[in-house]
Amino acid sequence: MLHKRLTNPGLKDYSSFSDYFNICCILLFFLSAFVAVFPDDLFLMGARGYAFGLITGGSALDGYVPAQSFFGGAAIAMASFLIAYIPLTRMSHMFMKYFLYHRVKWDDAPSCRGGKVENLVKKNLPLKPTWHAHHIEADGHKTWRDIALTTPREMK
């Protein structure tokens, strides 16, 4: 991705400093993890021990000594940085797109009588939307049931 952004003139207008910074951070994480794993830790004992310690609140696996190598420590630091940093950038779409787009658009499970979706809709029908929504004429007094039973006027 970095090579493509650097060499394709068509992407130049769409690439900012933050895009390059984000890609370089991800690249540094993968390079440090690869260098830490390949020569000494092919079975990922360092990563397993670190993840186990995070899950259990500090307990360590037998025989694991944290930060056995510089690159292992760098990979841990970069992973921690990326976990904290990515949600603050527009790169977070790579994770959230599934939940906020694909899951919503393509989740085509049928809504059967008495099913989960019908129960959720029934639960929300008495609620009164209070936001300013001219297209559904929400005024804070009409319920979703009232709005659903009226034919919307065409807006021009």
N, C-alpha and C. Protein backbone atom coordinates (compact mmCIF):
# COMPACT_ATOMS: atom_id res chain seq x y z
N MET A 1 0.82 -1.18 0.00
CA MET A 1 0.00 0.00 0.00
C MET A 1 0.88 1.26 0.00
N LEU A 2 1.94 1.23 0.78
CA LEU A 2 2.84 2.38 0.82
C LEU A 2 3.50 2.58 -0.54
N HIS A 3 3.95 1.50 -1.15
CA HIS A 3 4.58 1.59 -2.47
C HIS A 3 3.60 2.15 -3.50
N LYS A 4 2.37 1.68 -3.46
CA LYS A 4 1.37 2.15 -4.41
C LYS A 4 1.09 3.63 -4.23
N ARG A 5 0.99 4.08 -3.00
CA ARG A 5 0.73 5.50 -2.75
C ARG A 5 1.92 6.37 -3.18
N LEU A 6 3.13 5.83 -3.04
CA LEU A 6 4.31 6.62 -3.41
C LEU A 6 4.54 6.66 -4.91
N THR A 7 4.14 5.62 -5.63
CA THR A 7 4.45 5.53 -7.06
C THR A 7 3.30 5.86 -7.99
N ASN A 8 2.06 5.79 -7.52
CA ASN A 8 0.92 6.05 -8.38
C ASN A 8 0.56 7.54 -8.31
N PRO A 9 0.73 8.28 -9.42
CA PRO A 9 0.44 9.72 -9.37
C PRO A 9 -1.05 10.01 -9.13
N GLY A 10 -1.92 9.08 -9.49
CA GLY A 10 -3.35 9.28 -9.26
C GLY A 10 -3.74 9.27 -7.79
N LEU A 11 -2.93 8.63 -6.96
CA LEU A 11 -3.22 8.57 -5.53
C LEU A 11 -2.61 9.74 -4.75
N LYS A 12 -1.76 10.50 -5.41
CA LYS A 12 -1.07 11.59 -4.73
C LYS A 12 -2.05 12.61 -4.13
N ASP A 13 -3.09 12.95 -4.85
CA ASP A 13 -4.07 13.92 -4.37
C ASP A 13 -4.89 13.39 -3.20
N TYR A 14 -4.95 12.08 -3.05
CA TYR A 14 -5.76 11.47 -2.00
C TYR A 14 -4.95 11.04 -0.79
N SER A 15 -3.66 11.27 -0.81
CA SER A 15 -2.79 10.83 0.28
C SER A 15 -2.28 12.03 1.07
N SER A 16 -2.47 11.97 2.36
CA SER A 16 -2.00 13.05 3.23
C SER A 16 -0.86 12.54 4.10
N PHE A 17 -0.27 13.44 4.86
CA PHE A 17 0.80 13.05 5.77
C PHE A 17 0.32 11.99 6.76
N SER A 18 -0.91 12.17 7.26
CA SER A 18 -1.43 11.21 8.24
C SER A 18 -1.59 9.82 7.62
N ASP A 19 -1.93 9.74 6.33
CA ASP A 19 -2.03 8.43 5.68
C ASP A 19 -0.67 7.73 5.67
N TYR A 20 0.37 8.47 5.29
CA TYR A 20 1.72 7.89 5.28
C TYR A 20 2.17 7.52 6.69
N PHE A 21 1.86 8.37 7.66
CA PHE A 21 2.23 8.09 9.05
C PHE A 21 1.56 6.81 9.53
N ASN A 22 0.26 6.66 9.25
CA ASN A 22 -0.48 5.47 9.67
C ASN A 22 0.10 4.20 9.04
N ILE A 23 0.37 4.27 7.75
CA ILE A 23 0.92 3.10 7.04
C ILE A 23 2.30 2.75 7.59
N CYS A 24 3.11 3.76 7.86
CA CYS A 24 4.45 3.50 8.40
C CYS A 24 4.38 2.90 9.81
N CYS A 25 3.43 3.33 10.62
CA CYS A 25 3.26 2.75 11.96
C CYS A 25 2.88 1.27 11.87
N ILE A 26 1.96 0.96 10.98
CA ILE A 26 1.56 -0.44 10.81
C ILE A 26 2.73 -1.25 10.28
N LEU A 27 3.47 -0.69 9.34
CA LEU A 27 4.64 -1.38 8.79
C LEU A 27 5.68 -1.62 9.88
N LEU A 28 5.94 -0.64 10.72
CA LEU A 28 6.91 -0.81 11.82
C LEU A 28 6.46 -1.91 12.78
N PHE A 29 5.17 -1.97 13.07
CA PHE A 29 4.68 -3.03 13.94
C PHE A 29 4.94 -4.40 13.33
N PHE A 30 4.57 -4.58 12.07
CA PHE A 30 4.75 -5.90 11.44
C PHE A 30 6.22 -6.26 11.28
N LEU A 31 7.05 -5.27 10.96
CA LEU A 31 8.49 -5.56 10.84
C LEU A 31 9.09 -5.95 12.19
N SER A 32 8.75 -5.21 13.25
CA SER A 32 9.30 -5.55 14.56
C SER A 32 8.78 -6.89 15.05
N ALA A 33 7.52 -7.19 14.78
CA ALA A 33 6.96 -8.49 15.18
C ALA A 33 7.63 -9.62 14.39
N PHE A 34 7.86 -9.40 13.10
CA PHE A 34 8.50 -10.42 12.27
C PHE A 34 9.93 -10.68 12.74
N VAL A 35 10.67 -9.62 13.01
CA VAL A 35 12.06 -9.77 13.46
C VAL A 35 12.11 -10.42 14.85
N ALA A 36 11.11 -10.13 15.69
CA ALA A 36 11.09 -10.73 17.03
C ALA A 36 10.72 -12.21 16.98
N VAL A 37 9.86 -12.58 16.06
CA VAL A 37 9.35 -13.95 16.00
C VAL A 37 10.25 -14.87 15.19
N PHE A 38 10.69 -14.43 14.06
CA PHE A 38 11.37 -15.32 13.13
C PHE A 38 12.61 -16.01 13.69
N PRO A 39 13.59 -15.31 14.24
CA PRO A 39 14.79 -16.02 14.66
C PRO A 39 14.65 -16.83 15.95
N ASP A 40 13.86 -16.36 16.90
CA ASP A 40 13.88 -16.97 18.23
C ASP A 40 12.55 -17.52 18.73
N ASP A 41 11.44 -17.06 18.17
CA ASP A 41 10.14 -17.35 18.79
C ASP A 41 9.12 -17.81 17.75
N LEU A 42 9.45 -18.89 17.05
CA LEU A 42 8.57 -19.36 15.98
C LEU A 42 7.21 -19.82 16.49
N PHE A 43 7.10 -20.20 17.74
CA PHE A 43 5.83 -20.67 18.29
C PHE A 43 5.07 -19.56 19.01
N LEU A 44 5.53 -18.32 18.85
CA LEU A 44 4.87 -17.13 19.40
C LEU A 44 4.65 -17.20 20.91
N MET A 45 5.60 -17.76 21.62
CA MET A 45 5.47 -17.84 23.08
C MET A 45 5.46 -16.44 23.71
N GLY A 46 6.23 -15.51 23.15
CA GLY A 46 6.24 -14.15 23.67
C GLY A 46 4.87 -13.49 23.52
N ALA A 47 4.28 -13.62 22.34
CA ALA A 47 2.96 -13.03 22.09
C ALA A 47 1.90 -13.71 22.95
N ARG A 48 2.00 -15.03 23.08
CA ARG A 48 1.05 -15.75 23.93
C ARG A 48 1.16 -15.31 25.38
N GLY A 49 2.39 -15.20 25.87
CA GLY A 49 2.61 -14.78 27.25
C GLY A 49 2.11 -13.37 27.50
N TYR A 50 2.35 -12.48 26.56
CA TYR A 50 1.89 -11.10 26.70
C TYR A 50 0.37 -11.04 26.70
N ALA A 51 -0.27 -11.72 25.75
CA ALA A 51 -1.73 -11.74 25.68
C ALA A 51 -2.33 -12.39 26.93
N PHE A 52 -1.70 -13.46 27.41
CA PHE A 52 -2.17 -14.13 28.63
C PHE A 52 -2.09 -13.19 29.82
N GLY A 53 -1.00 -12.43 29.90
CA GLY A 53 -0.84 -11.46 30.97
C GLY A 53 -1.88 -10.36 30.91
N LEU A 54 -2.24 -9.92 29.70
CA LEU A 54 -3.28 -8.90 29.56
C LEU A 54 -4.63 -9.43 30.01
N ILE A 55 -4.94 -10.65 29.63
CA ILE A 55 -6.24 -11.24 29.95
C ILE A 55 -6.37 -11.54 31.43
N THR A 56 -5.30 -12.04 32.04
CA THR A 56 -5.37 -12.45 33.44
C THR A 56 -4.95 -11.37 34.43
N GLY A 57 -4.58 -10.22 33.93
CA GLY A 57 -4.21 -9.13 34.83
C GLY A 57 -2.80 -9.24 35.37
N GLY A 58 -1.90 -9.84 34.63
CA GLY A 58 -0.51 -9.85 35.03
C GLY A 58 0.11 -11.20 35.25
N SER A 59 -0.68 -12.27 35.28
CA SER A 59 -0.09 -13.60 35.45
C SER A 59 0.74 -13.95 34.22
N ALA A 60 1.79 -14.70 34.41
CA ALA A 60 2.65 -15.07 33.29
C ALA A 60 2.59 -16.57 33.05
N LEU A 61 2.83 -16.96 31.82
CA LEU A 61 2.92 -18.38 31.49
C LEU A 61 4.23 -18.93 32.04
N ASP A 62 4.26 -20.22 32.35
CA ASP A 62 5.48 -20.85 32.86
C ASP A 62 6.62 -20.71 31.86
N GLY A 63 7.76 -20.26 32.32
CA GLY A 63 8.94 -20.17 31.48
C GLY A 63 9.01 -18.95 30.60
N TYR A 64 8.02 -18.06 30.67
CA TYR A 64 8.04 -16.87 29.83
C TYR A 64 8.60 -15.69 30.62
N VAL A 65 9.58 -15.04 30.03
CA VAL A 65 10.15 -13.83 30.62
C VAL A 65 9.80 -12.68 29.69
N PRO A 66 9.06 -11.66 30.15
CA PRO A 66 8.65 -10.58 29.25
C PRO A 66 9.83 -9.83 28.65
N ALA A 67 9.59 -9.29 27.46
CA ALA A 67 10.57 -8.47 26.74
C ALA A 67 11.92 -9.15 26.62
N GLN A 68 11.93 -10.36 26.06
CA GLN A 68 13.18 -11.11 25.91
C GLN A 68 14.08 -10.49 24.86
N SER A 69 13.51 -9.72 23.95
CA SER A 69 14.34 -9.08 22.93
C SER A 69 13.87 -7.65 22.72
N PHE A 70 14.75 -6.86 22.16
CA PHE A 70 14.40 -5.47 21.85
C PHE A 70 13.22 -5.43 20.89
N PHE A 71 13.26 -6.28 19.85
CA PHE A 71 12.21 -6.25 18.85
C PHE A 71 10.88 -6.78 19.40
N GLY A 72 10.94 -7.70 20.35
CA GLY A 72 9.72 -8.16 21.01
C GLY A 72 9.08 -7.03 21.80
N GLY A 73 9.89 -6.29 22.52
CA GLY A 73 9.39 -5.13 23.25
C GLY A 73 8.86 -4.06 22.31
N ALA A 74 9.57 -3.86 21.18
CA ALA A 74 9.11 -2.87 20.19
C ALA A 74 7.78 -3.29 19.59
N ALA A 75 7.60 -4.57 19.31
CA ALA A 75 6.34 -5.06 18.76
C ALA A 75 5.21 -4.86 19.76
N ILE A 76 5.48 -5.11 21.04
CA ILE A 76 4.46 -4.90 22.08
C ILE A 76 4.12 -3.41 22.17
N ALA A 77 5.12 -2.57 22.15
CA ALA A 77 4.88 -1.12 22.23
C ALA A 77 4.10 -0.63 21.01
N MET A 78 4.47 -1.10 19.82
CA MET A 78 3.78 -0.67 18.60
C MET A 78 2.34 -1.19 18.58
N ALA A 79 2.13 -2.42 19.01
CA ALA A 79 0.76 -2.97 19.05
C ALA A 79 -0.10 -2.15 20.02
N SER A 80 0.44 -1.82 21.17
CA SER A 80 -0.30 -1.02 22.15
C SER A 80 -0.60 0.37 21.59
N PHE A 81 0.38 0.96 20.93
CA PHE A 81 0.19 2.27 20.31
C PHE A 81 -0.90 2.21 19.24
N LEU A 82 -0.85 1.20 18.38
CA LEU A 82 -1.85 1.09 17.30
C LEU A 82 -3.25 0.86 17.85
N ILE A 83 -3.37 0.06 18.90
CA ILE A 83 -4.70 -0.18 19.50
C ILE A 83 -5.28 1.12 20.05
N ALA A 84 -4.44 1.96 20.59
CA ALA A 84 -4.93 3.24 21.11
C ALA A 84 -5.10 4.29 20.01
N TYR A 85 -4.27 4.24 18.97
CA TYR A 85 -4.22 5.28 17.95
C TYR A 85 -5.25 5.09 16.82
N ILE A 86 -5.43 3.88 16.35
CA ILE A 86 -6.29 3.66 15.18
C ILE A 86 -7.72 4.15 15.37
N PRO A 87 -8.35 3.98 16.53
CA PRO A 87 -9.72 4.51 16.66
C PRO A 87 -9.81 6.03 16.51
N LEU A 88 -8.72 6.73 16.67
CA LEU A 88 -8.72 8.19 16.54
C LEU A 88 -8.47 8.65 15.11
N THR A 89 -8.26 7.73 14.19
CA THR A 89 -7.97 8.07 12.81
C THR A 89 -9.09 7.58 11.90
N ARG A 90 -9.03 7.98 10.65
CA ARG A 90 -10.04 7.49 9.71
C ARG A 90 -9.74 6.06 9.26
N MET A 91 -8.62 5.52 9.71
CA MET A 91 -8.32 4.12 9.40
C MET A 91 -9.21 3.17 10.19
N SER A 92 -9.90 3.68 11.17
CA SER A 92 -10.77 2.81 11.96
C SER A 92 -11.90 2.23 11.11
N HIS A 93 -12.10 2.79 9.90
CA HIS A 93 -13.16 2.25 9.04
C HIS A 93 -12.89 0.80 8.68
N MET A 94 -11.64 0.38 8.69
CA MET A 94 -11.35 -1.00 8.32
C MET A 94 -11.95 -1.99 9.31
N PHE A 95 -12.15 -1.57 10.55
CA PHE A 95 -12.80 -2.43 11.53
C PHE A 95 -14.30 -2.15 11.61
N MET A 96 -14.64 -0.87 11.63
CA MET A 96 -16.03 -0.50 11.85
C MET A 96 -16.91 -0.69 10.62
N LYS A 97 -16.32 -0.75 9.44
CA LYS A 97 -17.12 -0.88 8.22
C LYS A 97 -17.97 -2.15 8.26
N TYR A 98 -17.44 -3.21 8.82
CA TYR A 98 -18.21 -4.46 8.89
C TYR A 98 -19.46 -4.26 9.74
N PHE A 99 -19.28 -3.66 10.91
CA PHE A 99 -20.41 -3.54 11.84
C PHE A 99 -21.38 -2.43 11.45
N LEU A 100 -20.88 -1.35 10.85
CA LEU A 100 -21.74 -0.22 10.56
C LEU A 100 -22.22 -0.18 9.11
N TYR A 101 -21.72 -1.03 8.25
CA TYR A 101 -22.16 -1.01 6.86
C TYR A 101 -22.57 -2.40 6.40
N HIS A 102 -21.61 -3.31 6.33
CA HIS A 102 -21.90 -4.63 5.79
C HIS A 102 -22.93 -5.37 6.63
N ARG A 103 -22.80 -5.30 7.94
CA ARG A 103 -23.73 -6.01 8.81
C ARG A 103 -25.13 -5.43 8.67
N VAL A 104 -25.22 -4.10 8.56
CA VAL A 104 -26.52 -3.45 8.43
C VAL A 104 -27.11 -3.68 7.05
N LYS A 105 -26.30 -3.50 6.02
CA LYS A 105 -26.82 -3.59 4.66
C LYS A 105 -27.09 -5.03 4.24
N TRP A 106 -26.22 -5.95 4.59
CA TRP A 106 -26.32 -7.30 4.08
C TRP A 106 -26.89 -8.30 5.08
N ASP A 107 -27.21 -7.86 6.27
CA ASP A 107 -27.81 -8.78 7.24
C ASP A 107 -29.27 -8.97 6.86
N ASP A 108 -29.52 -9.95 6.01
CA ASP A 108 -30.86 -10.13 5.45
C ASP A 108 -31.59 -11.31 6.09
N ALA A 109 -31.40 -11.46 7.39
CA ALA A 109 -32.12 -12.52 8.10
C ALA A 109 -33.61 -12.18 8.07
N PRO A 110 -34.45 -13.15 7.78
CA PRO A 110 -35.89 -12.86 7.68
C PRO A 110 -36.48 -12.46 9.03
N SER A 111 -37.43 -11.57 8.97
CA SER A 111 -38.14 -11.15 10.18
C SER A 111 -39.43 -11.98 10.26
N CYS A 112 -39.44 -12.95 11.13
CA CYS A 112 -40.58 -13.86 11.27
C CYS A 112 -41.48 -13.37 12.40
N ARG A 113 -42.75 -13.75 12.32
CA ARG A 113 -43.70 -13.40 13.40
C ARG A 113 -43.20 -13.97 14.72
N GLY A 114 -43.20 -13.08 15.72
CA GLY A 114 -42.77 -13.51 17.04
C GLY A 114 -41.27 -13.60 17.19
N GLY A 115 -40.54 -13.20 16.16
CA GLY A 115 -39.08 -13.28 16.20
C GLY A 115 -38.45 -12.11 16.93
N LYS A 116 -37.15 -12.13 16.96
CA LYS A 116 -36.37 -11.12 17.69
C LYS A 116 -36.59 -9.72 17.10
N VAL A 117 -36.56 -9.61 15.76
CA VAL A 117 -36.72 -8.30 15.13
C VAL A 117 -38.10 -7.74 15.41
N GLU A 118 -39.14 -8.56 15.28
CA GLU A 118 -40.50 -8.08 15.55
C GLU A 118 -40.64 -7.60 16.99
N ASN A 119 -40.08 -8.32 17.92
CA ASN A 119 -40.15 -7.91 19.33
C ASN A 119 -39.44 -6.58 19.57
N LEU A 120 -38.29 -6.38 18.90
CA LEU A 120 -37.58 -5.11 19.04
C LEU A 120 -38.38 -3.96 18.44
N VAL A 121 -39.00 -4.19 17.29
CA VAL A 121 -39.82 -3.15 16.66
C VAL A 121 -41.00 -2.80 17.57
N LYS A 122 -41.68 -3.81 18.09
CA LYS A 122 -42.83 -3.57 18.98
C LYS A 122 -42.42 -2.79 20.22
N LYS A 123 -41.24 -3.08 20.72
CA LYS A 123 -40.74 -2.37 21.90
C LYS A 123 -40.51 -0.89 21.60
N ASN A 124 -40.10 -0.58 20.36
CA ASN A 124 -39.77 0.80 20.01
C ASN A 124 -40.94 1.60 19.43
N LEU A 125 -42.02 0.96 19.04
CA LEU A 125 -43.15 1.68 18.44
C LEU A 125 -43.76 2.75 19.35
N PRO A 126 -43.85 2.56 20.67
CA PRO A 126 -44.43 3.61 21.52
C PRO A 126 -43.50 4.80 21.78
N LEU A 127 -42.23 4.68 21.41
CA LEU A 127 -41.29 5.77 21.66
C LEU A 127 -41.59 6.96 20.76
N LYS A 128 -41.25 8.15 21.24
CA LYS A 128 -41.51 9.39 20.50
C LYS A 128 -40.18 10.02 20.07
N PRO A 129 -39.89 10.01 18.77
CA PRO A 129 -38.65 10.66 18.33
C PRO A 129 -38.73 12.17 18.55
N THR A 130 -37.66 12.74 19.06
CA THR A 130 -37.67 14.16 19.40
C THR A 130 -36.72 15.00 18.54
N TRP A 131 -35.97 14.38 17.66
CA TRP A 131 -35.06 15.15 16.85
C TRP A 131 -35.83 15.85 15.74
N HIS A 132 -35.18 16.79 15.12
CA HIS A 132 -35.79 17.57 14.06
C HIS A 132 -35.71 16.77 12.76
N ALA A 133 -36.79 16.09 12.40
CA ALA A 133 -36.81 15.27 11.20
C ALA A 133 -38.03 15.64 10.37
N HIS A 134 -37.84 16.60 9.44
CA HIS A 134 -38.96 17.07 8.64
C HIS A 134 -39.53 15.96 7.76
N HIS A 135 -38.68 15.07 7.28
CA HIS A 135 -39.15 14.05 6.34
C HIS A 135 -40.09 13.04 6.98
N ILE A 136 -40.05 12.89 8.29
CA ILE A 136 -41.00 11.99 8.95
C ILE A 136 -41.95 12.75 9.88
N GLU A 137 -41.80 14.06 9.89
CA GLU A 137 -42.64 14.94 10.70
C GLU A 137 -42.60 14.56 12.19
N ALA A 138 -41.40 14.28 12.67
CA ALA A 138 -41.22 13.99 14.09
C ALA A 138 -41.29 15.30 14.86
N ASP A 139 -42.18 15.35 15.82
CA ASP A 139 -42.36 16.58 16.58
C ASP A 139 -42.25 16.38 18.09
N GLY A 140 -41.94 15.17 18.52
CA GLY A 140 -41.83 14.89 19.94
C GLY A 140 -43.15 14.44 20.55
N HIS A 141 -44.23 14.52 19.78
CA HIS A 141 -45.54 14.10 20.28
C HIS A 141 -46.00 12.81 19.59
N LYS A 142 -45.67 12.66 18.31
CA LYS A 142 -46.05 11.46 17.56
C LYS A 142 -45.14 10.30 17.97
N THR A 143 -45.71 9.12 18.05
CA THR A 143 -44.91 7.92 18.32
C THR A 143 -44.44 7.33 16.99
N TRP A 144 -43.54 6.38 17.06
CA TRP A 144 -43.10 5.69 15.85
C TRP A 144 -44.28 4.98 15.19
N ARG A 145 -45.24 4.50 16.00
CA ARG A 145 -46.43 3.85 15.44
C ARG A 145 -47.22 4.85 14.60
N ASP A 146 -47.42 6.06 15.12
CA ASP A 146 -48.14 7.10 14.36
C ASP A 146 -47.42 7.43 13.06
N ILE A 147 -46.12 7.55 13.14
CA ILE A 147 -45.32 7.90 11.97
C ILE A 147 -45.37 6.78 10.94
N ALA A 148 -45.29 5.54 11.41
CA ALA A 148 -45.30 4.40 10.49
C ALA A 148 -46.65 4.23 9.79
N LEU A 149 -47.73 4.66 10.41
CA LEU A 149 -49.06 4.49 9.83
C LEU A 149 -49.47 5.63 8.91
N THR A 150 -48.69 6.71 8.83
CA THR A 150 -49.02 7.81 7.93
C THR A 150 -48.18 7.73 6.68
N THR A 151 -48.76 8.22 5.60
CA THR A 151 -48.03 8.27 4.32
C THR A 151 -47.22 9.56 4.31
N PRO A 152 -45.92 9.45 4.08
CA PRO A 152 -45.10 10.66 4.09
C PRO A 152 -45.43 11.55 2.90
N ARG A 153 -45.38 12.86 3.15
CA ARG A 153 -45.57 13.81 2.07
C ARG A 153 -44.28 13.91 1.27
N GLU A 154 -44.42 14.16 -0.01
CA GLU A 154 -43.24 14.32 -0.86
C GLU A 154 -42.63 15.67 -0.57
N MET A 155 -41.31 15.68 -0.37
CA MET A 155 -40.61 16.94 -0.10
C MET A 155 -39.93 17.41 -1.37
N LYS A 156 -40.11 18.69 -1.69
CA LYS A 156 -39.51 19.24 -2.90
C LYS A 156 -38.54 20.33 -2.55
